[in-house]
Amino acid sequence: MFTVETESNQTVVTILDTTGQMEDIEVIFDDYGVWMRQFDTKQNEYELLFLMHNQWRSLIASLDCTEGTYQIKERND
């Protein structure tokens, strides 16, 4: 289950853990890249990860790949 919220300069996707075992994950898309954060209750703060857009595209593409090394070629349409 997830939610999508569009704000003036970003889109926030919240991925909910319906089992209640893990904290939700927020994926924030903006002009600079992709931020991922999850609240750490032990540290009482967010764990934060930043990816450039090309890294995000590689992550998504990897879901459909078998073991190996790959490179994504950018198209100039």
C-alpha atoms as a PDB file:
ATOM      1  CA  MET A   1       0.000   0.000   0.000  1.00  0.00           C
ATOM      2  CA  PHE A   2       1.300   3.467  -0.814  1.00  0.00           C
ATOM      3  CA  THR A   3       0.219   7.074  -1.090  1.00  0.00           C
ATOM      4  CA  VAL A   4       1.252   9.759  -3.582  1.00  0.00           C
ATOM      5  CA  GLU A   5       1.170  13.443  -2.695  1.00  0.00           C
ATOM      6  CA  THR A   6       2.212  16.221  -5.069  1.00  0.00           C
ATOM      7  CA  GLU A   7       3.442  19.467  -3.573  1.00  0.00           C
ATOM      8  CA  SER A   8       4.656  22.594  -5.367  1.00  0.00           C
ATOM      9  CA  ASN A   9       8.237  21.425  -5.921  1.00  0.00           C
ATOM     10  CA  GLN A  10       8.214  17.729  -5.099  1.00  0.00           C
ATOM     11  CA  THR A  11       6.278  14.481  -5.147  1.00  0.00           C
ATOM     12  CA  VAL A  12       6.210  12.334  -2.008  1.00  0.00           C
ATOM     13  CA  VAL A  13       5.438   8.612  -2.189  1.00  0.00           C
ATOM     14  CA  THR A  14       4.890   6.966   1.183  1.00  0.00           C
ATOM     15  CA  ILE A  15       5.242   3.187   1.180  1.00  0.00           C
ATOM     16  CA  LEU A  16       3.292   1.766   4.103  1.00  0.00           C
ATOM     17  CA  ASP A  17       4.189  -1.420   5.949  1.00  0.00           C
ATOM     18  CA  THR A  18       0.772  -3.011   6.376  1.00  0.00           C
ATOM     19  CA  THR A  19       2.206  -5.637   8.751  1.00  0.00           C
ATOM     20  CA  GLY A  20       3.210  -2.991  11.295  1.00  0.00           C
ATOM     21  CA  GLN A  21       6.695  -4.494  11.622  1.00  0.00           C
ATOM     22  CA  MET A  22       8.641  -1.661   9.973  1.00  0.00           C
ATOM     23  CA  GLU A  23       8.334   2.104   9.784  1.00  0.00           C
ATOM     24  CA  ASP A  24       6.918   3.544   6.572  1.00  0.00           C
ATOM     25  CA  ILE A  25       9.339   4.690   3.865  1.00  0.00           C
ATOM     26  CA  GLU A  26       9.037   8.101   2.228  1.00  0.00           C
ATOM     27  CA  VAL A  27      10.425   8.578  -1.283  1.00  0.00           C
ATOM     28  CA  ILE A  28      10.697  12.247  -2.193  1.00  0.00           C
ATOM     29  CA  PHE A  29      11.238  13.200  -5.847  1.00  0.00           C
ATOM     30  CA  ASP A  30      12.439  16.718  -6.639  1.00  0.00           C
ATOM     31  CA  ASP A  31      14.503  18.509  -9.293  1.00  0.00           C
ATOM     32  CA  TYR A  32      17.786  17.482  -7.651  1.00  0.00           C
ATOM     33  CA  GLY A  33      17.208  13.761  -7.235  1.00  0.00           C
ATOM     34  CA  VAL A  34      15.439  11.224  -5.060  1.00  0.00           C
ATOM     35  CA  TRP A  35      15.453  11.237  -1.268  1.00  0.00           C
ATOM     36  CA  MET A  36      14.486   8.141   0.692  1.00  0.00           C
ATOM     37  CA  ARG A  37      13.889   8.266   4.416  1.00  0.00           C
ATOM     38  CA  GLN A  38      12.660   5.981   7.160  1.00  0.00           C
ATOM     39  CA  PHE A  39      12.205   6.896  10.801  1.00  0.00           C
ATOM     40  CA  ASP A  40      14.511   5.084  13.222  1.00  0.00           C
ATOM     41  CA  THR A  41      12.699   4.783  16.549  1.00  0.00           C
ATOM     42  CA  LYS A  42      15.898   3.749  18.381  1.00  0.00           C
ATOM     43  CA  GLN A  43      17.760   6.894  17.288  1.00  0.00           C
ATOM     44  CA  ASN A  44      14.584   9.021  17.247  1.00  0.00           C
ATOM     45  CA  GLU A  45      15.525  10.459  13.838  1.00  0.00           C
ATOM     46  CA  TYR A  46      15.200   9.746  10.126  1.00  0.00           C
ATOM     47  CA  GLU A  47      17.709   7.614   8.235  1.00  0.00           C
ATOM     48  CA  LEU A  48      18.254   9.500   4.972  1.00  0.00           C
ATOM     49  CA  LEU A  49      19.517   8.373   1.574  1.00  0.00           C
ATOM     50  CA  PHE A  50      19.948  10.560  -1.534  1.00  0.00           C
ATOM     51  CA  LEU A  51      20.162   9.217  -5.090  1.00  0.00           C
ATOM     52  CA  MET A  52      20.751  11.081  -8.335  1.00  0.00           C
ATOM     53  CA  HIS A  53      17.994  10.509 -10.894  1.00  0.00           C
ATOM     54  CA  ASN A  54      20.200   8.161 -12.941  1.00  0.00           C
ATOM     55  CA  GLN A  55      20.888   6.057  -9.813  1.00  0.00           C
ATOM     56  CA  TRP A  56      17.139   5.825  -9.160  1.00  0.00           C
ATOM     57  CA  ARG A  57      16.533   4.675 -12.753  1.00  0.00           C
ATOM     58  CA  SER A  58      19.236   2.020 -12.321  1.00  0.00           C
ATOM     59  CA  LEU A  59      17.637   0.819  -9.089  1.00  0.00           C
ATOM     60  CA  ILE A  60      14.229   0.469 -10.740  1.00  0.00           C
ATOM     61  CA  ALA A  61      15.719  -1.253 -13.824  1.00  0.00           C
ATOM     62  CA  SER A  62      17.577  -3.745 -11.604  1.00  0.00           C
ATOM     63  CA  LEU A  63      14.300  -5.233 -10.413  1.00  0.00           C
ATOM     64  CA  ASP A  64      13.870  -6.964 -13.787  1.00  0.00           C
ATOM     65  CA  CYS A  65      17.468  -8.190 -14.190  1.00  0.00           C
ATOM     66  CA  THR A  66      19.235 -11.415 -13.428  1.00  0.00           C
ATOM     67  CA  GLU A  67      22.670 -11.571 -11.820  1.00  0.00           C
ATOM     68  CA  GLY A  68      25.280  -9.600 -13.788  1.00  0.00           C
ATOM     69  CA  THR A  69      26.586  -6.137 -14.616  1.00  0.00           C
ATOM     70  CA  TYR A  70      24.438  -3.670 -16.532  1.00  0.00           C
ATOM     71  CA  GLN A  71      24.576  -0.114 -17.856  1.00  0.00           C
ATOM     72  CA  ILE A  72      21.595   2.025 -18.738  1.00  0.00           C
ATOM     73  CA  LYS A  73      21.963   4.055 -21.916  1.00  0.00           C
ATOM     74  CA  GLU A  74      20.259   7.450 -21.924  1.00  0.00           C
ATOM     75  CA  ARG A  75      18.082   8.173 -24.950  1.00  0.00           C
ATOM     76  CA  ASN A  76      18.029  11.583 -26.566  1.00  0.00           C
ATOM     77  CA  ASP A  77      14.498  11.790 -27.950  1.00  0.00           C
END
